[in-house]
PDB file of N, CA and C in Angstrom:
ATOM      1  N   MET A   1     -59.151  10.562  -1.283  1.00  0.00           N
ATOM      2  CA  MET A   1     -59.293  11.279  -2.539  1.00  0.00           C
ATOM      3  C   MET A   1     -58.195  12.324  -2.629  1.00  0.00           C
ATOM      4  N   LYS A   2     -57.806  12.600  -3.858  1.00  0.00           N
ATOM      5  CA  LYS A   2     -56.795  13.625  -4.095  1.00  0.00           C
ATOM      6  C   LYS A   2     -57.252  14.531  -5.234  1.00  0.00           C
ATOM      7  N   LYS A   3     -56.870  15.805  -5.124  1.00  0.00           N
ATOM      8  CA  LYS A   3     -57.102  16.759  -6.202  1.00  0.00           C
ATOM      9  C   LYS A   3     -55.774  16.918  -6.925  1.00  0.00           C
ATOM     10  N   ILE A   4     -55.787  16.718  -8.222  1.00  0.00           N
ATOM     11  CA  ILE A   4     -54.593  16.862  -9.032  1.00  0.00           C
ATOM     12  C   ILE A   4     -54.746  18.143  -9.832  1.00  0.00           C
ATOM     13  N   GLU A   5     -53.784  19.049  -9.653  1.00  0.00           N
ATOM     14  CA  GLU A   5     -53.753  20.291 -10.416  1.00  0.00           C
ATOM     15  C   GLU A   5     -52.552  20.225 -11.333  1.00  0.00           C
ATOM     16  N   ALA A   6     -52.788  20.344 -12.619  1.00  0.00           N
ATOM     17  CA  ALA A   6     -51.714  20.304 -13.599  1.00  0.00           C
ATOM     18  C   ALA A   6     -51.697  21.616 -14.368  1.00  0.00           C
ATOM     19  N   ILE A   7     -50.543  22.241 -14.425  1.00  0.00           N
ATOM     20  CA  ILE A   7     -50.352  23.449 -15.219  1.00  0.00           C
ATOM     21  C   ILE A   7     -49.652  22.997 -16.496  1.00  0.00           C
ATOM     22  N   ILE A   8     -50.315  23.151 -17.637  1.00  0.00           N
ATOM     23  CA  ILE A   8     -49.781  22.624 -18.890  1.00  0.00           C
ATOM     24  C   ILE A   8     -49.853  23.677 -19.998  1.00  0.00           C
ATOM     25  N   ASN A   9     -49.207  23.376 -21.107  1.00  0.00           N
ATOM     26  CA  ASN A   9     -49.306  24.240 -22.285  1.00  0.00           C
ATOM     27  C   ASN A   9     -50.694  24.106 -22.891  1.00  0.00           C
ATOM     28  N   PRO A  10     -51.283  25.199 -23.339  1.00  0.00           N
ATOM     29  CA  PRO A  10     -52.631  25.143 -23.918  1.00  0.00           C
ATOM     30  C   PRO A  10     -52.739  24.178 -25.098  1.00  0.00           C
ATOM     31  N   SER A  11     -51.675  24.020 -25.854  1.00  0.00           N
ATOM     32  CA  SER A  11     -51.710  23.139 -27.029  1.00  0.00           C
ATOM     33  C   SER A  11     -51.852  21.673 -26.644  1.00  0.00           C
ATOM     34  N   ARG A  12     -51.631  21.328 -25.391  1.00  0.00           N
ATOM     35  CA  ARG A  12     -51.700  19.934 -24.932  1.00  0.00           C
ATOM     36  C   ARG A  12     -53.037  19.578 -24.277  1.00  0.00           C
ATOM     37  N   LEU A  13     -53.940  20.546 -24.139  1.00  0.00           N
ATOM     38  CA  LEU A  13     -55.181  20.309 -23.397  1.00  0.00           C
ATOM     39  C   LEU A  13     -56.034  19.203 -24.005  1.00  0.00           C
ATOM     40  N   ASP A  14     -56.262  19.234 -25.301  1.00  0.00           N
ATOM     41  CA  ASP A  14     -57.107  18.204 -25.929  1.00  0.00           C
ATOM     42  C   ASP A  14     -56.494  16.815 -25.785  1.00  0.00           C
ATOM     43  N   ASP A  15     -55.169  16.726 -25.910  1.00  0.00           N
ATOM     44  CA  ASP A  15     -54.499  15.435 -25.750  1.00  0.00           C
ATOM     45  C   ASP A  15     -54.628  14.920 -24.324  1.00  0.00           C
ATOM     46  N   VAL A  16     -54.511  15.820 -23.345  1.00  0.00           N
ATOM     47  CA  VAL A  16     -54.669  15.427 -21.946  1.00  0.00           C
ATOM     48  C   VAL A  16     -56.090  14.934 -21.704  1.00  0.00           C
ATOM     49  N   LYS A  17     -57.073  15.655 -22.221  1.00  0.00           N
ATOM     50  CA  LYS A  17     -58.480  15.238 -22.054  1.00  0.00           C
ATOM     51  C   LYS A  17     -58.711  13.852 -22.652  1.00  0.00           C
ATOM     52  N   THR A  18     -58.200  13.633 -23.847  1.00  0.00           N
ATOM     53  CA  THR A  18     -58.371  12.342 -24.516  1.00  0.00           C
ATOM     54  C   THR A  18     -57.713  11.221 -23.713  1.00  0.00           C
ATOM     55  N   GLU A  19     -56.514  11.473 -23.221  1.00  0.00           N
ATOM     56  CA  GLU A  19     -55.786  10.451 -22.450  1.00  0.00           C
ATOM     57  C   GLU A  19     -56.487  10.149 -21.136  1.00  0.00           C
ATOM     58  N   LEU A  20     -56.993  11.182 -20.450  1.00  0.00           N
ATOM     59  CA  LEU A  20     -57.708  10.958 -19.193  1.00  0.00           C
ATOM     60  C   LEU A  20     -58.994  10.166 -19.433  1.00  0.00           C
ATOM     61  N   THR A  21     -59.685  10.476 -20.510  1.00  0.00           N
ATOM     62  CA  THR A  21     -60.904   9.740 -20.845  1.00  0.00           C
ATOM     63  C   THR A  21     -60.588   8.265 -21.104  1.00  0.00           C
ATOM     64  N   SER A  22     -59.447   8.002 -21.746  1.00  0.00           N
ATOM     65  CA  SER A  22     -59.078   6.622 -22.066  1.00  0.00           C
ATOM     66  C   SER A  22     -58.769   5.788 -20.822  1.00  0.00           C
ATOM     67  N   ILE A  23     -58.423   6.443 -19.700  1.00  0.00           N
ATOM     68  CA  ILE A  23     -58.172   5.680 -18.470  1.00  0.00           C
ATOM     69  C   ILE A  23     -59.365   5.706 -17.519  1.00  0.00           C
ATOM     70  N   GLY A  24     -60.487   6.263 -17.991  1.00  0.00           N
ATOM     71  CA  GLY A  24     -61.717   6.214 -17.202  1.00  0.00           C
ATOM     72  C   GLY A  24     -62.021   7.439 -16.372  1.00  0.00           C
ATOM     73  N   ILE A  25     -61.359   8.550 -16.660  1.00  0.00           N
ATOM     74  CA  ILE A  25     -61.647   9.794 -15.949  1.00  0.00           C
ATOM     75  C   ILE A  25     -62.464  10.676 -16.883  1.00  0.00           C
ATOM     76  N   PHE A  26     -63.699  10.963 -16.478  1.00  0.00           N
ATOM     77  CA  PHE A  26     -64.622  11.656 -17.377  1.00  0.00           C
ATOM     78  C   PHE A  26     -64.967  13.069 -16.935  1.00  0.00           C
ATOM     79  N   GLY A  27     -64.333  13.563 -15.890  1.00  0.00           N
ATOM     80  CA  GLY A  27     -64.620  14.917 -15.438  1.00  0.00           C
ATOM     81  C   GLY A  27     -63.345  15.663 -15.096  1.00  0.00           C
ATOM     82  N   MET A  28     -63.267  16.910 -15.544  1.00  0.00           N
ATOM     83  CA  MET A  28     -62.135  17.758 -15.199  1.00  0.00           C
ATOM     84  C   MET A  28     -62.538  19.201 -15.389  1.00  0.00           C
ATOM     85  N   THR A  29     -61.792  20.095 -14.783  1.00  0.00           N
ATOM     86  CA  THR A  29     -62.002  21.519 -14.961  1.00  0.00           C
ATOM     87  C   THR A  29     -60.745  22.087 -15.583  1.00  0.00           C
ATOM     88  N   ALA A  30     -60.905  22.927 -16.599  1.00  0.00           N
ATOM     89  CA  ALA A  30     -59.756  23.561 -17.241  1.00  0.00           C
ATOM     90  C   ALA A  30     -59.942  25.075 -17.174  1.00  0.00           C
ATOM     91  N   LEU A  31     -58.908  25.750 -16.704  1.00  0.00           N
ATOM     92  CA  LEU A  31     -58.946  27.201 -16.558  1.00  0.00           C
ATOM     93  C   LEU A  31     -57.795  27.817 -17.342  1.00  0.00           C
ATOM     94  N   GLU A  32     -58.071  28.927 -18.018  1.00  0.00           N
ATOM     95  CA  GLU A  32     -56.990  29.648 -18.674  1.00  0.00           C
ATOM     96  C   GLU A  32     -56.172  30.346 -17.595  1.00  0.00           C
ATOM     97  N   ALA A  33     -54.867  30.303 -17.740  1.00  0.00           N
ATOM     98  CA  ALA A  33     -53.988  30.907 -16.741  1.00  0.00           C
ATOM     99  C   ALA A  33     -52.789  31.540 -17.431  1.00  0.00           C
ATOM    100  N   LYS A  34     -52.087  32.364 -16.683  1.00  0.00           N
ATOM    101  CA  LYS A  34     -50.828  32.930 -17.138  1.00  0.00           C
ATOM    102  C   LYS A  34     -49.823  32.723 -16.024  1.00  0.00           C
ATOM    103  N   GLY A  35     -48.578  32.466 -16.396  1.00  0.00           N
ATOM    104  CA  GLY A  35     -47.578  32.266 -15.371  1.00  0.00           C
ATOM    105  C   GLY A  35     -46.182  32.439 -15.932  1.00  0.00           C
ATOM    106  N   PHE A  36     -45.228  32.428 -15.016  1.00  0.00           N
ATOM    107  CA  PHE A  36     -43.840  32.477 -15.446  1.00  0.00           C
ATOM    108  C   PHE A  36     -43.001  31.622 -14.518  1.00  0.00           C
ATOM    109  N   GLY A  37     -41.888  31.198 -15.028  1.00  0.00           N
ATOM    110  CA  GLY A  37     -40.965  30.366 -14.263  1.00  0.00           C
ATOM    111  C   GLY A  37     -39.658  30.326 -15.018  1.00  0.00           C
ATOM    112  N   ARG A  38     -39.097  29.152 -15.163  1.00  0.00           N
ATOM    113  CA  ARG A  38     -37.830  29.013 -15.862  1.00  0.00           C
ATOM    114  C   ARG A  38     -37.943  29.319 -17.347  1.00  0.00           C
ATOM    115  N   GLN A  39     -39.153  29.227 -17.882  1.00  0.00           N
ATOM    116  CA  GLN A  39     -39.355  29.490 -19.306  1.00  0.00           C
ATOM    117  C   GLN A  39     -39.066  30.947 -19.652  1.00  0.00           C
ATOM    118  N   LYS A  40     -39.184  31.807 -18.661  1.00  0.00           N
ATOM    119  CA  LYS A  40     -38.966  33.245 -18.831  1.00  0.00           C
ATOM    120  C   LYS A  40     -39.953  33.827 -19.841  1.00  0.00           C
ATOM    121  N   GLY A  41     -39.801  35.091 -20.099  1.00  0.00           N
ATOM    122  CA  GLY A  41     -40.659  35.761 -21.067  1.00  0.00           C
ATOM    123  C   GLY A  41     -39.916  35.984 -22.368  1.00  0.00           C
ATOM    124  N   HIS A  42     -40.452  36.854 -23.168  1.00  0.00           N
ATOM    125  CA  HIS A  42     -39.803  37.205 -24.423  1.00  0.00           C
ATOM    126  C   HIS A  42     -40.081  38.673 -24.715  1.00  0.00           C
ATOM    127  N   THR A  43     -39.318  39.245 -25.617  1.00  0.00           N
ATOM    128  CA  THR A  43     -39.460  40.655 -25.963  1.00  0.00           C
ATOM    129  C   THR A  43     -40.287  40.777 -27.236  1.00  0.00           C
ATOM    130  N   GLU A  44     -41.235  41.687 -27.231  1.00  0.00           N
ATOM    131  CA  GLU A  44     -42.045  41.969 -28.416  1.00  0.00           C
ATOM    132  C   GLU A  44     -41.971  43.451 -28.729  1.00  0.00           C
ATOM    133  N   THR A  45     -42.261  43.780 -29.968  1.00  0.00           N
ATOM    134  CA  THR A  45     -42.293  45.174 -30.384  1.00  0.00           C
ATOM    135  C   THR A  45     -43.708  45.517 -30.815  1.00  0.00           C
ATOM    136  N   TYR A  46     -44.231  46.611 -30.267  1.00  0.00           N
ATOM    137  CA  TYR A  46     -45.566  47.074 -30.632  1.00  0.00           C
ATOM    138  C   TYR A  46     -45.470  48.560 -30.946  1.00  0.00           C
ATOM    139  N   ARG A  47     -45.784  48.914 -32.168  1.00  0.00           N
ATOM    140  CA  ARG A  47     -45.731  50.299 -32.629  1.00  0.00           C
ATOM    141  C   ARG A  47     -44.388  50.960 -32.322  1.00  0.00           C
ATOM    142  N   GLY A  48     -43.344  50.211 -32.558  1.00  0.00           N
ATOM    143  CA  GLY A  48     -42.003  50.750 -32.405  1.00  0.00           C
ATOM    144  C   GLY A  48     -41.429  50.693 -31.007  1.00  0.00           C
ATOM    145  N   SER A  49     -42.221  50.287 -30.036  1.00  0.00           N
ATOM    146  CA  SER A  49     -41.731  50.204 -28.657  1.00  0.00           C
ATOM    147  C   SER A  49     -41.533  48.743 -28.268  1.00  0.00           C
ATOM    148  N   GLU A  50     -40.388  48.465 -27.651  1.00  0.00           N
ATOM    149  CA  GLU A  50     -40.128  47.116 -27.165  1.00  0.00           C
ATOM    150  C   GLU A  50     -40.670  46.961 -25.756  1.00  0.00           C
ATOM    151  N   TYR A  51     -41.231  45.803 -25.490  1.00  0.00           N
ATOM    152  CA  TYR A  51     -41.660  45.498 -24.132  1.00  0.00           C
ATOM    153  C   TYR A  51     -41.490  44.008 -23.875  1.00  0.00           C
ATOM    154  N   VAL A  52     -41.358  43.654 -22.602  1.00  0.00           N
ATOM    155  CA  VAL A  52     -41.133  42.266 -22.210  1.00  0.00           C
ATOM    156  C   VAL A  52     -42.456  41.640 -21.805  1.00  0.00           C
ATOM    157  N   VAL A  53     -42.724  40.479 -22.352  1.00  0.00           N
ATOM    158  CA  VAL A  53     -43.902  39.700 -21.979  1.00  0.00           C
ATOM    159  C   VAL A  53     -43.412  38.620 -21.014  1.00  0.00           C
ATOM    160  N   ASP A  54     -43.659  38.823 -19.713  1.00  0.00           N
ATOM    161  CA  ASP A  54     -43.177  37.885 -18.694  1.00  0.00           C
ATOM    162  C   ASP A  54     -44.095  36.674 -18.534  1.00  0.00           C
ATOM    163  N   PHE A  55     -45.376  36.897 -18.566  1.00  0.00           N
ATOM    164  CA  PHE A  55     -46.323  35.826 -18.311  1.00  0.00           C
ATOM    165  C   PHE A  55     -46.635  35.079 -19.595  1.00  0.00           C
ATOM    166  N   ARG A  56     -46.561  33.752 -19.522  1.00  0.00           N
ATOM    167  CA  ARG A  56     -46.849  32.889 -20.663  1.00  0.00           C
ATOM    168  C   ARG A  56     -48.245  32.289 -20.483  1.00  0.00           C
ATOM    169  N   PRO A  57     -48.988  32.094 -21.578  1.00  0.00           N
ATOM    170  CA  PRO A  57     -50.301  31.463 -21.454  1.00  0.00           C
ATOM    171  C   PRO A  57     -50.164  29.987 -21.071  1.00  0.00           C
ATOM    172  N   LYS A  58     -50.968  29.565 -20.129  1.00  0.00           N
ATOM    173  CA  LYS A  58     -50.993  28.176 -19.655  1.00  0.00           C
ATOM    174  C   LYS A  58     -52.442  27.771 -19.443  1.00  0.00           C
ATOM    175  N   VAL A  59     -52.650  26.496 -19.173  1.00  0.00           N
ATOM    176  CA  VAL A  59     -53.960  25.982 -18.797  1.00  0.00           C
ATOM    177  C   VAL A  59     -53.785  25.227 -17.485  1.00  0.00           C
ATOM    178  N   LYS A  60     -54.673  25.494 -16.539  1.00  0.00           N
ATOM    179  CA  LYS A  60     -54.666  24.770 -15.273  1.00  0.00           C
ATOM    180  C   LYS A  60     -55.791  23.744 -15.325  1.00  0.00           C
ATOM    181  N   VAL A  61     -55.435  22.485 -15.208  1.00  0.00           N
ATOM    182  CA  VAL A  61     -56.404  21.391 -15.235  1.00  0.00           C
ATOM    183  C   VAL A  61     -56.558  20.874 -13.820  1.00  0.00           C
ATOM    184  N   GLU A  62     -57.803  20.749 -13.361  1.00  0.00           N
ATOM    185  CA  GLU A  62     -58.083  20.243 -12.015  1.00  0.00           C
ATOM    186  C   GLU A  62     -58.927  18.981 -12.120  1.00  0.00           C
ATOM    187  N   ILE A  63     -58.469  17.918 -11.447  1.00  0.00           N
ATOM    188  CA  ILE A  63     -59.167  16.638 -11.462  1.00  0.00           C
ATOM    189  C   ILE A  63     -59.152  16.092 -10.039  1.00  0.00           C
ATOM    190  N   THR A  64     -60.272  15.622  -9.545  1.00  0.00           N
ATOM    191  CA  THR A  64     -60.313  14.956  -8.246  1.00  0.00           C
ATOM    192  C   THR A  64     -60.566  13.480  -8.495  1.00  0.00           C
ATOM    193  N   VAL A  65     -59.691  12.640  -7.937  1.00  0.00           N
ATOM    194  CA  VAL A  65     -59.756  11.201  -8.204  1.00  0.00           C
ATOM    195  C   VAL A  65     -59.620  10.421  -6.902  1.00  0.00           C
ATOM    196  N   PRO A  66     -60.108   9.169  -6.896  1.00  0.00           N
ATOM    197  CA  PRO A  66     -59.863   8.299  -5.738  1.00  0.00           C
ATOM    198  C   PRO A  66     -58.354   8.039  -5.611  1.00  0.00           C
ATOM    199  N   ASP A  67     -57.906   7.732  -4.408  1.00  0.00           N
ATOM    200  CA  ASP A  67     -56.482   7.486  -4.174  1.00  0.00           C
ATOM    201  C   ASP A  67     -55.910   6.436  -5.129  1.00  0.00           C
ATOM    202  N   ALA A  68     -56.707   5.433  -5.470  1.00  0.00           N
ATOM    203  CA  ALA A  68     -56.230   4.345  -6.328  1.00  0.00           C
ATOM    204  C   ALA A  68     -55.889   4.806  -7.749  1.00  0.00           C
ATOM    205  N   LEU A  69     -56.437   5.941  -8.187  1.00  0.00           N
ATOM    206  CA  LEU A  69     -56.194   6.418  -9.556  1.00  0.00           C
ATOM    207  C   LEU A  69     -55.160   7.534  -9.661  1.00  0.00           C
ATOM    208  N   VAL A  70     -54.566   7.940  -8.546  1.00  0.00           N
ATOM    209  CA  VAL A  70     -53.647   9.075  -8.559  1.00  0.00           C
ATOM    210  C   VAL A  70     -52.445   8.813  -9.463  1.00  0.00           C
ATOM    211  N   ALA A  71     -51.754   7.712  -9.263  1.00  0.00           N
ATOM    212  CA  ALA A  71     -50.544   7.423 -10.051  1.00  0.00           C
ATOM    213  C   ALA A  71     -50.868   7.282 -11.535  1.00  0.00           C
ATOM    214  N   LYS A  72     -51.980   6.619 -11.832  1.00  0.00           N
ATOM    215  CA  LYS A  72     -52.391   6.426 -13.226  1.00  0.00           C
ATOM    216  C   LYS A  72     -52.731   7.764 -13.896  1.00  0.00           C
ATOM    217  N   THR A  73     -53.371   8.658 -13.152  1.00  0.00           N
ATOM    218  CA  THR A  73     -53.740   9.977 -13.669  1.00  0.00           C
ATOM    219  C   THR A  73     -52.490  10.816 -13.940  1.00  0.00           C
ATOM    220  N   ILE A  74     -51.569  10.820 -13.006  1.00  0.00           N
ATOM    221  CA  ILE A  74     -50.327  11.574 -13.188  1.00  0.00           C
ATOM    222  C   ILE A  74     -49.556  11.043 -14.390  1.00  0.00           C
ATOM    223  N   ALA A  75     -49.456   9.731 -14.513  1.00  0.00           N
ATOM    224  CA  ALA A  75     -48.738   9.130 -15.641  1.00  0.00           C
ATOM    225  C   ALA A  75     -49.380   9.513 -16.967  1.00  0.00           C
ATOM    226  N   ALA A  76     -50.708   9.555 -17.007  1.00  0.00           N
ATOM    227  CA  ALA A  76     -51.417   9.915 -18.240  1.00  0.00           C
ATOM    228  C   ALA A  76     -51.140  11.366 -18.633  1.00  0.00           C
ATOM    229  N   ILE A  77     -51.135  12.257 -17.657  1.00  0.00           N
ATOM    230  CA  ILE A  77     -50.876  13.669 -17.948  1.00  0.00           C
ATOM    231  C   ILE A  77     -49.442  13.848 -18.439  1.00  0.00           C
ATOM    232  N   VAL A  78     -48.499  13.254 -17.728  1.00  0.00           N
ATOM    233  CA  VAL A  78     -47.089  13.376 -18.120  1.00  0.00           C
ATOM    234  C   VAL A  78     -46.866  12.799 -19.517  1.00  0.00           C
ATOM    235  N   LYS A  79     -47.501  11.684 -19.804  1.00  0.00           N
ATOM    236  CA  LYS A  79     -47.328  11.013 -21.102  1.00  0.00           C
ATOM    237  C   LYS A  79     -47.608  11.949 -22.277  1.00  0.00           C
ATOM    238  N   VAL A  80     -48.676  12.737 -22.184  1.00  0.00           N
ATOM    239  CA  VAL A  80     -49.065  13.573 -23.330  1.00  0.00           C
ATOM    240  C   VAL A  80     -48.644  15.035 -23.206  1.00  0.00           C
ATOM    241  N   ALA A  81     -48.351  15.509 -21.999  1.00  0.00           N
ATOM    242  CA  ALA A  81     -47.995  16.921 -21.832  1.00  0.00           C
ATOM    243  C   ALA A  81     -46.488  17.159 -21.913  1.00  0.00           C
ATOM    244  N   LYS A  82     -45.705  16.099 -21.775  1.00  0.00           N
ATOM    245  CA  LYS A  82     -44.251  16.248 -21.744  1.00  0.00           C
ATOM    246  C   LYS A  82     -43.663  16.380 -23.149  1.00  0.00           C
ATOM    247  N   THR A  83     -42.876  17.455 -23.337  1.00  0.00           N
ATOM    248  CA  THR A  83     -42.127  17.624 -24.586  1.00  0.00           C
ATOM    249  C   THR A  83     -40.628  17.552 -24.318  1.00  0.00           C
ATOM    250  N   GLY A  84     -40.248  17.665 -23.047  1.00  0.00           N
ATOM    251  CA  GLY A  84     -38.841  17.670 -22.684  1.00  0.00           C
ATOM    252  C   GLY A  84     -38.225  19.055 -22.710  1.00  0.00           C
ATOM    253  N   LYS A  85     -39.047  20.064 -22.965  1.00  0.00           N
ATOM    254  CA  LYS A  85     -38.561  21.441 -23.031  1.00  0.00           C
ATOM    255  C   LYS A  85     -39.018  22.229 -21.810  1.00  0.00           C
ATOM    256  N   ILE A  86     -38.306  23.308 -21.516  1.00  0.00           N
ATOM    257  CA  ILE A  86     -38.712  24.185 -20.419  1.00  0.00           C
ATOM    258  C   ILE A  86     -40.110  24.722 -20.722  1.00  0.00           C
ATOM    259  N   GLY A  87     -40.974  24.717 -19.716  1.00  0.00           N
ATOM    260  CA  GLY A  87     -42.324  25.234 -19.898  1.00  0.00           C
ATOM    261  C   GLY A  87     -43.380  24.153 -20.028  1.00  0.00           C
ATOM    262  N   ASP A  88     -42.986  22.875 -19.878  1.00  0.00           N
ATOM    263  CA  ASP A  88     -43.966  21.793 -19.961  1.00  0.00           C
ATOM    264  C   ASP A  88     -45.001  21.866 -18.847  1.00  0.00           C
ATOM    265  N   GLY A  89     -44.641  22.427 -17.695  1.00  0.00           N
ATOM    266  CA  GLY A  89     -45.611  22.620 -16.625  1.00  0.00           C
ATOM    267  C   GLY A  89     -45.267  21.876 -15.357  1.00  0.00           C
ATOM    268  N   LYS A  90     -46.243  21.803 -14.478  1.00  0.00           N
ATOM    269  CA  LYS A  90     -46.078  21.143 -13.181  1.00  0.00           C
ATOM    270  C   LYS A  90     -47.374  20.434 -12.812  1.00  0.00           C
ATOM    271  N   ILE A  91     -47.247  19.454 -11.912  1.00  0.00           N
ATOM    272  CA  ILE A  91     -48.411  18.742 -11.378  1.00  0.00           C
ATOM    273  C   ILE A  91     -48.334  18.815  -9.853  1.00  0.00           C
ATOM    274  N   PHE A  92     -49.458  19.148  -9.226  1.00  0.00           N
ATOM    275  CA  PHE A  92     -49.542  19.212  -7.772  1.00  0.00           C
ATOM    276  C   PHE A  92     -50.626  18.239  -7.318  1.00  0.00           C
ATOM    277  N   VAL A  93     -50.374  17.523  -6.226  1.00  0.00           N
ATOM    278  CA  VAL A  93     -51.341  16.581  -5.671  1.00  0.00           C
ATOM    279  C   VAL A  93     -51.715  17.073  -4.274  1.00  0.00           C
ATOM    280  N   ILE A  94     -53.019  17.263  -4.067  1.00  0.00           N
ATOM    281  CA  ILE A  94     -53.524  17.866  -2.835  1.00  0.00           C
ATOM    282  C   ILE A  94     -54.579  16.942  -2.219  1.00  0.00           C
ATOM    283  N   PRO A  95     -54.510  16.670  -0.910  1.00  0.00           N
ATOM    284  CA  PRO A  95     -55.537  15.843  -0.271  1.00  0.00           C
ATOM    285  C   PRO A  95     -56.908  16.543  -0.283  1.00  0.00           C
ATOM    286  N   VAL A  96     -57.957  15.746  -0.455  1.00  0.00           N
ATOM    287  CA  VAL A  96     -59.327  16.271  -0.447  1.00  0.00           C
ATOM    288  C   VAL A  96     -60.068  15.629   0.723  1.00  0.00           C
ATOM    289  N   GLU A  97     -60.613  16.444   1.587  1.00  0.00           N
ATOM    290  CA  GLU A  97     -61.334  15.926   2.754  1.00  0.00           C
ATOM    291  C   GLU A  97     -62.700  15.370   2.395  1.00  0.00           C
ATOM    292  N   ALA A  98     -63.412  16.076   1.530  1.00  0.00           N
ATOM    293  CA  ALA A  98     -64.773  15.647   1.206  1.00  0.00           C
ATOM    294  C   ALA A  98     -65.150  16.112  -0.194  1.00  0.00           C
ATOM    295  N   ALA A  99     -66.086  15.381  -0.787  1.00  0.00           N
ATOM    296  CA  ALA A  99     -66.674  15.773  -2.067  1.00  0.00           C
ATOM    297  C   ALA A  99     -68.168  15.487  -1.982  1.00  0.00           C
ATOM    298  N   ILE A 100     -68.970  16.430  -2.429  1.00  0.00           N
ATOM    299  CA  ILE A 100     -70.423  16.267  -2.387  1.00  0.00           C
ATOM    300  C   ILE A 100     -70.991  16.631  -3.747  1.00  0.00           C
ATOM    301  N   ARG A 101     -71.762  15.733  -4.333  1.00  0.00           N
ATOM    302  CA  ARG A 101     -72.477  16.039  -5.572  1.00  0.00           C
ATOM    303  C   ARG A 101     -73.755  16.763  -5.176  1.00  0.00           C
ATOM    304  N   ILE A 102     -73.905  17.975  -5.620  1.00  0.00           N
ATOM    305  CA  ILE A 102     -75.030  18.812  -5.202  1.00  0.00           C
ATOM    306  C   ILE A 102     -76.365  18.216  -5.631  1.00  0.00           C
ATOM    307  N   ARG A 103     -76.455  17.735  -6.869  1.00  0.00           N
ATOM    308  CA  ARG A 103     -77.728  17.235  -7.401  1.00  0.00           C
ATOM    309  C   ARG A 103     -78.300  16.095  -6.573  1.00  0.00           C
ATOM    310  N   THR A 104     -77.453  15.112  -6.205  1.00  0.00           N
ATOM    311  CA  THR A 104     -77.946  13.914  -5.519  1.00  0.00           C
ATOM    312  C   THR A 104     -77.560  13.854  -4.044  1.00  0.00           C
ATOM    313  N   GLU A 105     -76.718  14.772  -3.625  1.00  0.00           N
ATOM    314  CA  GLU A 105     -76.184  14.814  -2.273  1.00  0.00           C
ATOM    315  C   GLU A 105     -75.299  13.611  -1.939  1.00  0.00           C
ATOM    316  N   GLU A 106     -74.830  12.899  -2.954  1.00  0.00           N
ATOM    317  CA  GLU A 106     -73.877  11.815  -2.719  1.00  0.00           C
ATOM    318  C   GLU A 106     -72.590  12.439  -2.184  1.00  0.00           C
ATOM    319  N   SER A 107     -71.864  11.668  -1.367  1.00  0.00           N
ATOM    320  CA  SER A 107     -70.614  12.211  -0.828  1.00  0.00           C
ATOM    321  C   SER A 107     -69.502  11.186  -0.946  1.00  0.00           C
ATOM    322  N   GLY A 108     -68.285  11.666  -0.731  1.00  0.00           N
ATOM    323  CA  GLY A 108     -67.113  10.808  -0.838  1.00  0.00           C
ATOM    324  C   GLY A 108     -66.815  10.453  -2.291  1.00  0.00           C
ATOM    325  N   GLU A 109     -66.214   9.278  -2.486  1.00  0.00           N
ATOM    326  CA  GLU A 109     -65.834   8.851  -3.832  1.00  0.00           C
ATOM    327  C   GLU A 109     -67.047   8.660  -4.747  1.00  0.00           C
ATOM    328  N   ALA A 110     -68.206   8.387  -4.178  1.00  0.00           N
ATOM    329  CA  ALA A 110     -69.422   8.240  -4.998  1.00  0.00           C
ATOM    330  C   ALA A 110     -69.792   9.553  -5.691  1.00  0.00           C
ATOM    331  N   ALA A 111     -69.349  10.660  -5.121  1.00  0.00           N
ATOM    332  CA  ALA A 111     -69.665  11.973  -5.705  1.00  0.00           C
ATOM    333  C   ALA A 111     -68.765  12.310  -6.890  1.00  0.00           C
ATOM    334  N   LEU A 112     -67.682  11.572  -7.056  1.00  0.00           N
ATOM    335  CA  LEU A 112     -66.767  11.849  -8.148  1.00  0.00           C
ATOM    336  C   LEU A 112     -67.345  11.357  -9.456  1.00  0.00           C
TER     337      LEU A 112
END
């Protein structure tokens, strides 16, 4: 099993959810996040004072999938989250040792 963490633009979240559902992935966690990288920040003016906004709003999507679905999941996220511009985000793939569904105590891939 692998945990896929994708940092994406908030405007792409619904499209990512729809695409993941279409390939048979029905569970994910989405967290509001802020970050910075090559996209850099921008300058804003508030009440006559200029200040730099370094952190950009992002969404962190977390999905745990069987090894067989990793490539398909990554392709689905890239397909809808990619605009070709700086700030599209990143995807990280992390090994998962165990998964347990609390309600039924199922473990392993059955818990997904």
